[in-house]
Amino acid sequence: MPSAFIGCVMFRIIGVAVVLTLTGGASLAQEVAAVDPHAPLPTDASVVSQCTTMSQDVSIADPTGGICITAAKSYITALATLPAPLTPPAAGVTTDRDAALNAMVAKIAQLTQDNICDLRDDELANAVDAAGLAADGEETRATLAEIARTIREVCTDGTTAAIADGSPADPNLI
């Protein structure tokens, strides 16, 4: 008789654990689905600020974990909440996410105009690469990859790929 009683107690404990696990999973799914698709776009102001600070002091530049690349990745993560197109955009069509990434890149790419190749350029190029990887359109990805390559390899006042998406940036500065 005692062995039947022990089996009953164990079943109740296991049953409670299963219920708690199922309940916890349901509330997690509800939290993930609570993103407002009509929320305004995040701004790139913090990225520009952090990249400007980094570009003025080479001693804080870190291409893998510096303040510029970290701010850029945070901004890109915020942009990831925007609805992605079901199919890649047609040539010449820019999504809202790509327009925001292009505008950010246009602002931070200007910080490389010192004709000196150093860690600052590597960090800025990595921020541009991260933006390119997050882009929706192949055209945008290719343009941003070319800008990152130019920042890394040229380090001069030359012109690289131009961003033609209607962003407020002057493509002649890139």
N, C-alpha and C. Protein backbone atom coordinates (compact mmCIF):
# COMPACT_ATOMS: atom_id res chain seq x y z
N MET A 1 0.81 -1.20 0.00
CA MET A 1 0.00 0.00 0.00
C MET A 1 0.85 1.27 0.00
N PRO A 2 1.92 1.38 0.74
CA PRO A 2 2.73 2.58 0.70
C PRO A 2 3.30 2.85 -0.68
N SER A 3 3.63 1.83 -1.48
CA SER A 3 4.20 2.08 -2.79
C SER A 3 3.19 2.74 -3.72
N ALA A 4 1.91 2.44 -3.61
CA ALA A 4 0.88 3.09 -4.43
C ALA A 4 0.75 4.55 -4.04
N PHE A 5 0.86 4.84 -2.78
CA PHE A 5 0.77 6.22 -2.31
C PHE A 5 1.93 7.06 -2.85
N ILE A 6 3.14 6.52 -2.86
CA ILE A 6 4.31 7.23 -3.38
C ILE A 6 4.13 7.51 -4.87
N GLY A 7 3.62 6.56 -5.63
CA GLY A 7 3.38 6.74 -7.05
C GLY A 7 2.39 7.85 -7.30
N CYS A 8 1.40 7.99 -6.51
CA CYS A 8 0.39 9.03 -6.66
C CYS A 8 0.98 10.40 -6.40
N VAL A 9 1.80 10.53 -5.40
CA VAL A 9 2.44 11.80 -5.07
C VAL A 9 3.38 12.21 -6.20
N MET A 10 4.15 11.29 -6.72
CA MET A 10 5.06 11.61 -7.82
C MET A 10 4.28 12.09 -9.04
N PHE A 11 3.17 11.47 -9.33
CA PHE A 11 2.37 11.88 -10.48
C PHE A 11 1.88 13.31 -10.33
N ARG A 12 1.45 13.64 -9.14
CA ARG A 12 0.97 15.00 -8.91
C ARG A 12 2.09 16.02 -9.09
N ILE A 13 3.27 15.73 -8.62
CA ILE A 13 4.39 16.65 -8.76
C ILE A 13 4.75 16.81 -10.23
N ILE A 14 4.81 15.74 -10.96
CA ILE A 14 5.11 15.81 -12.39
C ILE A 14 4.01 16.58 -13.11
N GLY A 15 2.76 16.34 -12.76
CA GLY A 15 1.65 17.04 -13.40
C GLY A 15 1.73 18.55 -13.18
N VAL A 16 2.09 18.99 -12.00
CA VAL A 16 2.22 20.42 -11.71
C VAL A 16 3.35 21.01 -12.53
N ALA A 17 4.46 20.31 -12.64
CA ALA A 17 5.61 20.81 -13.40
C ALA A 17 5.23 20.99 -14.86
N VAL A 18 4.49 20.07 -15.44
CA VAL A 18 4.06 20.18 -16.83
C VAL A 18 3.15 21.37 -17.02
N VAL A 19 2.21 21.58 -16.13
CA VAL A 19 1.29 22.71 -16.23
C VAL A 19 2.05 24.03 -16.14
N LEU A 20 3.01 24.14 -15.23
CA LEU A 20 3.78 25.36 -15.10
C LEU A 20 4.59 25.63 -16.36
N THR A 21 5.17 24.59 -16.93
CA THR A 21 5.96 24.75 -18.15
C THR A 21 5.07 25.21 -19.30
N LEU A 22 3.93 24.61 -19.46
CA LEU A 22 3.02 25.00 -20.54
C LEU A 22 2.51 26.43 -20.35
N THR A 23 2.19 26.80 -19.14
CA THR A 23 1.72 28.15 -18.87
C THR A 23 2.80 29.17 -19.15
N GLY A 24 4.04 28.90 -18.75
CA GLY A 24 5.15 29.82 -19.00
C GLY A 24 5.38 30.02 -20.48
N GLY A 25 5.28 28.97 -21.27
CA GLY A 25 5.47 29.09 -22.71
C GLY A 25 4.39 29.94 -23.36
N ALA A 26 3.17 29.84 -22.89
CA ALA A 26 2.07 30.61 -23.48
C ALA A 26 2.27 32.10 -23.24
N SER A 27 2.70 32.50 -22.05
CA SER A 27 2.88 33.92 -21.81
C SER A 27 4.07 34.47 -22.58
N LEU A 28 5.10 33.67 -22.81
CA LEU A 28 6.23 34.13 -23.61
C LEU A 28 5.78 34.41 -25.04
N ALA A 29 4.96 33.55 -25.61
CA ALA A 29 4.48 33.76 -26.97
C ALA A 29 3.64 35.03 -27.06
N GLN A 30 2.89 35.34 -26.02
CA GLN A 30 2.08 36.55 -26.04
C GLN A 30 2.96 37.79 -26.02
N GLU A 31 4.06 37.77 -25.29
CA GLU A 31 4.95 38.93 -25.22
C GLU A 31 5.63 39.18 -26.56
N VAL A 32 6.04 38.14 -27.25
CA VAL A 32 6.71 38.29 -28.54
C VAL A 32 5.77 38.89 -29.57
N ALA A 33 4.51 38.55 -29.54
CA ALA A 33 3.55 39.01 -30.54
C ALA A 33 3.07 40.43 -30.29
N ALA A 34 3.56 41.10 -29.26
CA ALA A 34 3.05 42.42 -28.90
C ALA A 34 3.77 43.58 -29.58
N VAL A 35 4.42 43.38 -30.74
CA VAL A 35 5.12 44.45 -31.46
C VAL A 35 4.12 45.21 -32.31
N ASP A 36 4.10 46.52 -32.18
CA ASP A 36 3.19 47.36 -32.95
C ASP A 36 3.77 47.62 -34.33
N PRO A 37 3.15 47.10 -35.40
CA PRO A 37 3.70 47.29 -36.74
C PRO A 37 3.59 48.74 -37.24
N HIS A 38 2.85 49.57 -36.54
CA HIS A 38 2.68 50.98 -36.94
C HIS A 38 3.55 51.92 -36.12
N ALA A 39 4.42 51.38 -35.30
CA ALA A 39 5.30 52.21 -34.49
C ALA A 39 6.24 52.99 -35.41
N PRO A 40 6.63 54.21 -35.02
CA PRO A 40 7.52 55.00 -35.89
C PRO A 40 8.90 54.35 -35.98
N LEU A 41 9.59 54.63 -37.07
CA LEU A 41 10.94 54.11 -37.26
C LEU A 41 11.86 54.64 -36.17
N PRO A 42 12.77 53.79 -35.68
CA PRO A 42 13.77 54.31 -34.76
C PRO A 42 14.69 55.27 -35.51
N THR A 43 15.39 56.11 -34.81
CA THR A 43 16.29 57.05 -35.47
C THR A 43 17.73 56.57 -35.35
N ASP A 44 18.55 57.08 -36.24
CA ASP A 44 19.96 56.71 -36.23
C ASP A 44 20.82 57.71 -35.46
N ALA A 45 20.20 58.60 -34.71
CA ALA A 45 20.92 59.65 -33.98
C ALA A 45 21.97 59.08 -33.03
N SER A 46 21.65 58.02 -32.31
CA SER A 46 22.63 57.45 -31.37
C SER A 46 23.79 56.80 -32.12
N VAL A 47 23.53 56.22 -33.27
CA VAL A 47 24.60 55.63 -34.07
C VAL A 47 25.56 56.72 -34.53
N VAL A 48 25.00 57.79 -35.08
CA VAL A 48 25.84 58.90 -35.57
C VAL A 48 26.63 59.50 -34.42
N SER A 49 26.01 59.67 -33.26
CA SER A 49 26.68 60.23 -32.10
C SER A 49 27.85 59.34 -31.66
N GLN A 50 27.59 58.04 -31.51
CA GLN A 50 28.64 57.12 -31.05
C GLN A 50 29.76 56.99 -32.09
N CYS A 51 29.40 56.94 -33.36
CA CYS A 51 30.43 56.82 -34.41
C CYS A 51 31.26 58.11 -34.50
N THR A 52 30.63 59.25 -34.28
CA THR A 52 31.36 60.52 -34.28
C THR A 52 32.35 60.55 -33.12
N THR A 53 31.91 60.15 -31.94
CA THR A 53 32.79 60.09 -30.78
C THR A 53 33.97 59.17 -31.06
N MET A 54 33.71 58.01 -31.61
CA MET A 54 34.77 57.05 -31.92
C MET A 54 35.71 57.61 -32.97
N SER A 55 35.17 58.28 -33.99
CA SER A 55 36.03 58.77 -35.07
C SER A 55 36.97 59.90 -34.62
N GLN A 56 36.63 60.54 -33.51
CA GLN A 56 37.46 61.61 -32.98
C GLN A 56 38.55 61.12 -32.03
N ASP A 57 38.51 59.81 -31.68
CA ASP A 57 39.48 59.27 -30.73
C ASP A 57 39.83 57.84 -31.12
N VAL A 58 40.90 57.67 -31.87
CA VAL A 58 41.30 56.35 -32.35
C VAL A 58 41.57 55.37 -31.20
N SER A 59 41.88 55.87 -30.03
CA SER A 59 42.18 54.98 -28.90
C SER A 59 40.97 54.18 -28.44
N ILE A 60 39.76 54.61 -28.76
CA ILE A 60 38.56 53.84 -28.36
C ILE A 60 37.99 53.02 -29.51
N ALA A 61 38.60 53.10 -30.68
CA ALA A 61 38.11 52.34 -31.83
C ALA A 61 38.35 50.84 -31.61
N ASP A 62 37.34 50.05 -31.89
CA ASP A 62 37.42 48.59 -31.78
C ASP A 62 36.50 48.00 -32.83
N PRO A 63 37.04 47.46 -33.91
CA PRO A 63 36.22 46.97 -35.02
C PRO A 63 35.25 45.85 -34.67
N THR A 64 35.46 45.16 -33.54
CA THR A 64 34.55 44.06 -33.20
C THR A 64 33.55 44.42 -32.10
N GLY A 65 33.90 45.34 -31.20
CA GLY A 65 32.99 45.63 -30.10
C GLY A 65 33.01 47.06 -29.65
N GLY A 66 33.40 47.97 -30.52
CA GLY A 66 33.48 49.38 -30.17
C GLY A 66 32.11 50.03 -30.09
N ILE A 67 32.10 51.28 -29.66
CA ILE A 67 30.83 51.98 -29.44
C ILE A 67 30.07 52.23 -30.74
N CYS A 68 30.77 52.43 -31.84
CA CYS A 68 30.10 52.68 -33.12
C CYS A 68 29.42 51.41 -33.63
N ILE A 69 30.15 50.32 -33.67
CA ILE A 69 29.57 49.06 -34.18
C ILE A 69 28.46 48.57 -33.26
N THR A 70 28.62 48.78 -31.96
CA THR A 70 27.58 48.36 -31.02
C THR A 70 26.31 49.18 -31.22
N ALA A 71 26.45 50.48 -31.38
CA ALA A 71 25.28 51.34 -31.63
C ALA A 71 24.63 50.98 -32.97
N ALA A 72 25.44 50.71 -33.97
CA ALA A 72 24.89 50.35 -35.29
C ALA A 72 24.10 49.05 -35.20
N LYS A 73 24.64 48.06 -34.51
CA LYS A 73 23.94 46.78 -34.38
C LYS A 73 22.65 46.93 -33.58
N SER A 74 22.65 47.78 -32.57
CA SER A 74 21.42 48.02 -31.80
C SER A 74 20.35 48.67 -32.68
N TYR A 75 20.76 49.62 -33.49
CA TYR A 75 19.84 50.29 -34.42
C TYR A 75 19.30 49.30 -35.44
N ILE A 76 20.18 48.48 -35.97
CA ILE A 76 19.77 47.49 -36.96
C ILE A 76 18.79 46.50 -36.34
N THR A 77 19.02 46.12 -35.10
CA THR A 77 18.10 45.23 -34.39
C THR A 77 16.73 45.89 -34.24
N ALA A 78 16.71 47.18 -33.93
CA ALA A 78 15.44 47.90 -33.82
C ALA A 78 14.73 47.94 -35.17
N LEU A 79 15.48 48.10 -36.25
CA LEU A 79 14.87 48.10 -37.58
C LEU A 79 14.33 46.73 -37.97
N ALA A 80 14.86 45.69 -37.36
CA ALA A 80 14.41 44.33 -37.68
C ALA A 80 12.95 44.11 -37.29
N THR A 81 12.40 44.98 -36.45
CA THR A 81 10.99 44.84 -36.08
C THR A 81 10.06 45.31 -37.19
N LEU A 82 10.61 46.00 -38.18
CA LEU A 82 9.79 46.41 -39.32
C LEU A 82 9.38 45.17 -40.11
N PRO A 83 8.18 45.17 -40.66
CA PRO A 83 7.78 44.01 -41.46
C PRO A 83 8.69 43.87 -42.69
N ALA A 84 9.17 42.67 -42.91
CA ALA A 84 10.03 42.40 -44.06
C ALA A 84 9.14 42.05 -45.25
N PRO A 85 9.59 42.40 -46.45
CA PRO A 85 8.79 42.04 -47.63
C PRO A 85 8.76 40.52 -47.80
N LEU A 86 7.66 40.01 -48.33
CA LEU A 86 7.54 38.57 -48.54
C LEU A 86 8.47 38.10 -49.64
N THR A 87 8.72 38.95 -50.62
CA THR A 87 9.66 38.64 -51.69
C THR A 87 10.69 39.76 -51.75
N PRO A 88 11.87 39.47 -52.26
CA PRO A 88 12.86 40.54 -52.37
C PRO A 88 12.32 41.69 -53.21
N PRO A 89 12.65 42.93 -52.86
CA PRO A 89 12.15 44.06 -53.63
C PRO A 89 12.71 44.05 -55.05
N ALA A 90 11.92 44.56 -55.98
CA ALA A 90 12.36 44.64 -57.37
C ALA A 90 13.51 45.63 -57.49
N ALA A 91 14.27 45.52 -58.55
CA ALA A 91 15.39 46.44 -58.80
C ALA A 91 14.87 47.87 -58.79
N GLY A 92 15.58 48.74 -58.09
CA GLY A 92 15.18 50.15 -58.03
C GLY A 92 14.16 50.47 -56.96
N VAL A 93 13.62 49.45 -56.27
CA VAL A 93 12.65 49.66 -55.20
C VAL A 93 13.36 49.54 -53.86
N THR A 94 13.15 50.53 -53.00
CA THR A 94 13.80 50.55 -51.69
C THR A 94 12.75 50.41 -50.60
N THR A 95 12.93 49.44 -49.71
CA THR A 95 12.02 49.26 -48.59
C THR A 95 12.30 50.31 -47.53
N ASP A 96 11.39 50.46 -46.58
CA ASP A 96 11.60 51.40 -45.47
C ASP A 96 12.87 51.04 -44.69
N ARG A 97 13.10 49.75 -44.46
CA ARG A 97 14.28 49.32 -43.73
C ARG A 97 15.54 49.70 -44.51
N ASP A 98 15.56 49.44 -45.81
CA ASP A 98 16.73 49.77 -46.62
C ASP A 98 16.96 51.28 -46.67
N ALA A 99 15.90 52.06 -46.74
CA ALA A 99 16.04 53.52 -46.76
C ALA A 99 16.66 54.01 -45.44
N ALA A 100 16.23 53.42 -44.33
CA ALA A 100 16.79 53.80 -43.03
C ALA A 100 18.26 53.39 -42.92
N LEU A 101 18.58 52.20 -43.41
CA LEU A 101 19.98 51.75 -43.37
C LEU A 101 20.85 52.63 -44.27
N ASN A 102 20.34 52.97 -45.45
CA ASN A 102 21.09 53.85 -46.35
C ASN A 102 21.35 55.21 -45.72
N ALA A 103 20.34 55.76 -45.06
CA ALA A 103 20.49 57.07 -44.43
C ALA A 103 21.54 57.02 -43.32
N MET A 104 21.52 55.95 -42.52
CA MET A 104 22.53 55.79 -41.47
C MET A 104 23.93 55.71 -42.07
N VAL A 105 24.09 54.90 -43.09
CA VAL A 105 25.40 54.72 -43.72
C VAL A 105 25.88 56.04 -44.33
N ALA A 106 24.99 56.77 -44.96
CA ALA A 106 25.37 58.05 -45.57
C ALA A 106 25.92 59.01 -44.52
N LYS A 107 25.38 58.94 -43.32
CA LYS A 107 25.84 59.84 -42.25
C LYS A 107 27.17 59.40 -41.65
N ILE A 108 27.32 58.11 -41.41
CA ILE A 108 28.55 57.67 -40.75
C ILE A 108 29.72 57.50 -41.73
N ALA A 109 29.45 57.27 -43.00
CA ALA A 109 30.53 57.12 -43.98
C ALA A 109 31.32 58.41 -44.12
N GLN A 110 30.71 59.53 -43.87
CA GLN A 110 31.39 60.81 -43.96
C GLN A 110 32.49 60.96 -42.90
N LEU A 111 32.44 60.15 -41.87
CA LEU A 111 33.42 60.25 -40.78
C LEU A 111 34.77 59.67 -41.17
N THR A 112 34.89 59.09 -42.35
CA THR A 112 36.15 58.48 -42.80
C THR A 112 37.01 59.43 -43.62
N GLN A 113 36.60 60.66 -43.80
CA GLN A 113 37.25 61.58 -44.73
C GLN A 113 38.52 62.21 -44.15
N ASP A 114 39.47 61.39 -43.68
CA ASP A 114 40.70 61.96 -43.13
C ASP A 114 41.96 61.43 -43.81
N ASN A 115 41.83 60.63 -44.85
CA ASN A 115 42.95 60.10 -45.63
C ASN A 115 43.92 59.24 -44.82
N ILE A 116 43.50 58.72 -43.69
CA ILE A 116 44.35 57.86 -42.86
C ILE A 116 43.60 56.54 -42.62
N CYS A 117 44.22 55.43 -42.95
CA CYS A 117 43.60 54.13 -42.69
C CYS A 117 43.99 53.68 -41.28
N ASP A 118 43.00 53.45 -40.43
CA ASP A 118 43.28 53.00 -39.08
C ASP A 118 42.08 52.23 -38.53
N LEU A 119 42.08 51.95 -37.23
CA LEU A 119 40.99 51.18 -36.61
C LEU A 119 39.65 51.88 -36.72
N ARG A 120 39.64 53.21 -36.80
CA ARG A 120 38.37 53.93 -36.96
C ARG A 120 37.70 53.51 -38.26
N ASP A 121 38.47 53.43 -39.32
CA ASP A 121 37.92 53.02 -40.60
C ASP A 121 37.41 51.58 -40.55
N ASP A 122 38.15 50.72 -39.86
CA ASP A 122 37.71 49.33 -39.73
C ASP A 122 36.38 49.24 -38.98
N GLU A 123 36.24 50.02 -37.91
CA GLU A 123 34.99 49.98 -37.14
C GLU A 123 33.82 50.54 -37.97
N LEU A 124 34.06 51.64 -38.66
CA LEU A 124 33.01 52.21 -39.52
C LEU A 124 32.64 51.24 -40.64
N ALA A 125 33.64 50.61 -41.24
CA ALA A 125 33.36 49.64 -42.31
C ALA A 125 32.56 48.46 -41.78
N ASN A 126 32.85 48.00 -40.57
CA ASN A 126 32.08 46.90 -39.99
C ASN A 126 30.65 47.31 -39.69
N ALA A 127 30.44 48.55 -39.30
CA ALA A 127 29.07 49.05 -39.09
C ALA A 127 28.31 49.06 -40.42
N VAL A 128 28.99 49.46 -41.48
CA VAL A 128 28.36 49.48 -42.81
C VAL A 128 28.09 48.04 -43.27
N ASP A 129 29.03 47.13 -43.03
CA ASP A 129 28.80 45.73 -43.37
C ASP A 129 27.58 45.16 -42.64
N ALA A 130 27.44 45.49 -41.36
CA ALA A 130 26.28 45.02 -40.59
C ALA A 130 24.98 45.54 -41.20
N ALA A 131 25.00 46.79 -41.64
CA ALA A 131 23.81 47.36 -42.29
C ALA A 131 23.51 46.62 -43.59
N GLY A 132 24.56 46.32 -44.35
CA GLY A 132 24.38 45.59 -45.60
C GLY A 132 23.78 44.21 -45.40
N LEU A 133 24.23 43.53 -44.36
CA LEU A 133 23.70 42.20 -44.07
C LEU A 133 22.22 42.24 -43.69
N ALA A 134 21.78 43.34 -43.13
CA ALA A 134 20.38 43.46 -42.69
C ALA A 134 19.46 43.99 -43.79
N ALA A 135 20.01 44.41 -44.91
CA ALA A 135 19.21 45.01 -45.98
C ALA A 135 18.28 43.99 -46.63
N ASP A 136 17.15 44.47 -47.10
CA ASP A 136 16.17 43.62 -47.78
C ASP A 136 16.55 43.36 -49.24
N GLY A 137 16.99 44.39 -49.93
CA GLY A 137 17.23 44.29 -51.36
C GLY A 137 18.66 43.97 -51.73
N GLU A 138 18.82 43.19 -52.77
CA GLU A 138 20.16 42.83 -53.25
C GLU A 138 20.93 44.07 -53.68
N GLU A 139 20.25 45.01 -54.30
CA GLU A 139 20.90 46.25 -54.75
C GLU A 139 21.47 47.03 -53.56
N THR A 140 20.69 47.12 -52.50
CA THR A 140 21.15 47.82 -51.29
C THR A 140 22.31 47.07 -50.66
N ARG A 141 22.21 45.74 -50.57
CA ARG A 141 23.31 44.95 -50.00
C ARG A 141 24.61 45.17 -50.78
N ALA A 142 24.52 45.16 -52.11
CA ALA A 142 25.71 45.34 -52.94
C ALA A 142 26.30 46.74 -52.77
N THR A 143 25.43 47.75 -52.72
CA THR A 143 25.91 49.13 -52.55
C THR A 143 26.62 49.30 -51.21
N LEU A 144 26.02 48.78 -50.15
CA LEU A 144 26.61 48.93 -48.82
C LEU A 144 27.91 48.12 -48.71
N ALA A 145 27.97 46.96 -49.35
CA ALA A 145 29.21 46.17 -49.34
C ALA A 145 30.32 46.94 -50.05
N GLU A 146 29.99 47.62 -51.13
CA GLU A 146 30.98 48.41 -51.85
C GLU A 146 31.46 49.60 -51.02
N ILE A 147 30.55 50.23 -50.31
CA ILE A 147 30.94 51.34 -49.44
C ILE A 147 31.87 50.85 -48.33
N ALA A 148 31.53 49.72 -47.71
CA ALA A 148 32.39 49.16 -46.65
C ALA A 148 33.76 48.81 -47.20
N ARG A 149 33.81 48.20 -48.38
CA ARG A 149 35.09 47.85 -48.99
C ARG A 149 35.92 49.10 -49.24
N THR A 150 35.29 50.14 -49.74
CA THR A 150 36.01 51.37 -50.04
C THR A 150 36.54 52.02 -48.75
N ILE A 151 35.75 52.01 -47.69
CA ILE A 151 36.20 52.58 -46.42
C ILE A 151 37.45 51.84 -45.93
N ARG A 152 37.45 50.51 -46.07
CA ARG A 152 38.58 49.70 -45.61
C ARG A 152 39.82 49.87 -46.47
N GLU A 153 39.62 49.90 -47.77
CA GLU A 153 40.76 49.80 -48.69
C GLU A 153 41.27 51.12 -49.24
N VAL A 154 40.42 52.11 -49.37
CA VAL A 154 40.84 53.34 -50.03
C VAL A 154 41.26 54.40 -49.02
N CYS A 155 40.44 54.66 -48.01
CA CYS A 155 40.76 55.61 -46.95
C CYS A 155 41.16 56.98 -47.51
N THR A 156 40.48 57.42 -48.53
CA THR A 156 40.75 58.73 -49.11
C THR A 156 39.45 59.49 -49.28
N ASP A 157 39.54 60.64 -49.89
CA ASP A 157 38.35 61.45 -50.14
C ASP A 157 37.63 61.04 -51.42
N GLY A 158 37.94 59.90 -51.99
CA GLY A 158 37.32 59.46 -53.23
C GLY A 158 35.85 59.14 -53.07
N THR A 159 35.21 58.91 -54.19
CA THR A 159 33.79 58.57 -54.20
C THR A 159 33.64 57.08 -54.41
N THR A 160 32.67 56.51 -53.75
CA THR A 160 32.38 55.08 -53.90
C THR A 160 30.95 54.95 -54.40
N ALA A 161 30.31 53.87 -54.12
CA ALA A 161 28.93 53.65 -54.56
C ALA A 161 28.03 54.74 -54.01
N ALA A 162 27.13 55.22 -54.83
CA ALA A 162 26.20 56.27 -54.41
C ALA A 162 24.89 55.64 -53.95
N ILE A 163 24.28 56.23 -52.95
CA ILE A 163 22.99 55.77 -52.45
C ILE A 163 21.91 56.61 -53.14
N ALA A 164 21.09 55.95 -53.93
CA ALA A 164 20.06 56.66 -54.67
C ALA A 164 18.69 56.18 -54.22
N ASP A 165 18.26 56.58 -53.05
CA ASP A 165 16.98 56.13 -52.54
C ASP A 165 16.10 57.26 -52.04
N GLY A 166 16.48 58.49 -52.29
CA GLY A 166 15.69 59.60 -51.81
C GLY A 166 15.98 59.98 -50.39
N SER A 167 17.03 59.41 -49.79
CA SER A 167 17.37 59.77 -48.42
C SER A 167 17.93 61.19 -48.42
N PRO A 168 17.92 61.86 -47.27
CA PRO A 168 18.37 63.23 -47.22
C PRO A 168 19.88 63.40 -47.41
N ALA A 169 20.61 62.30 -47.46
CA ALA A 169 22.07 62.38 -47.60
C ALA A 169 22.46 62.78 -49.01
N ASP A 170 23.57 63.47 -49.13
CA ASP A 170 24.10 63.85 -50.42
C ASP A 170 24.99 62.73 -50.92
N PRO A 171 24.59 62.00 -51.99
CA PRO A 171 25.38 60.85 -52.45
C PRO A 171 26.77 61.25 -52.92
N ASN A 172 27.02 62.52 -53.21
CA ASN A 172 28.35 62.95 -53.63
C ASN A 172 29.35 62.96 -52.48
N LEU A 173 28.86 62.88 -51.25
CA LEU A 173 29.75 62.88 -50.09
C LEU A 173 30.25 61.49 -49.74
N ILE A 174 29.66 60.50 -50.34
CA ILE A 174 30.02 59.11 -49.99
C ILE A 174 31.02 58.57 -50.98
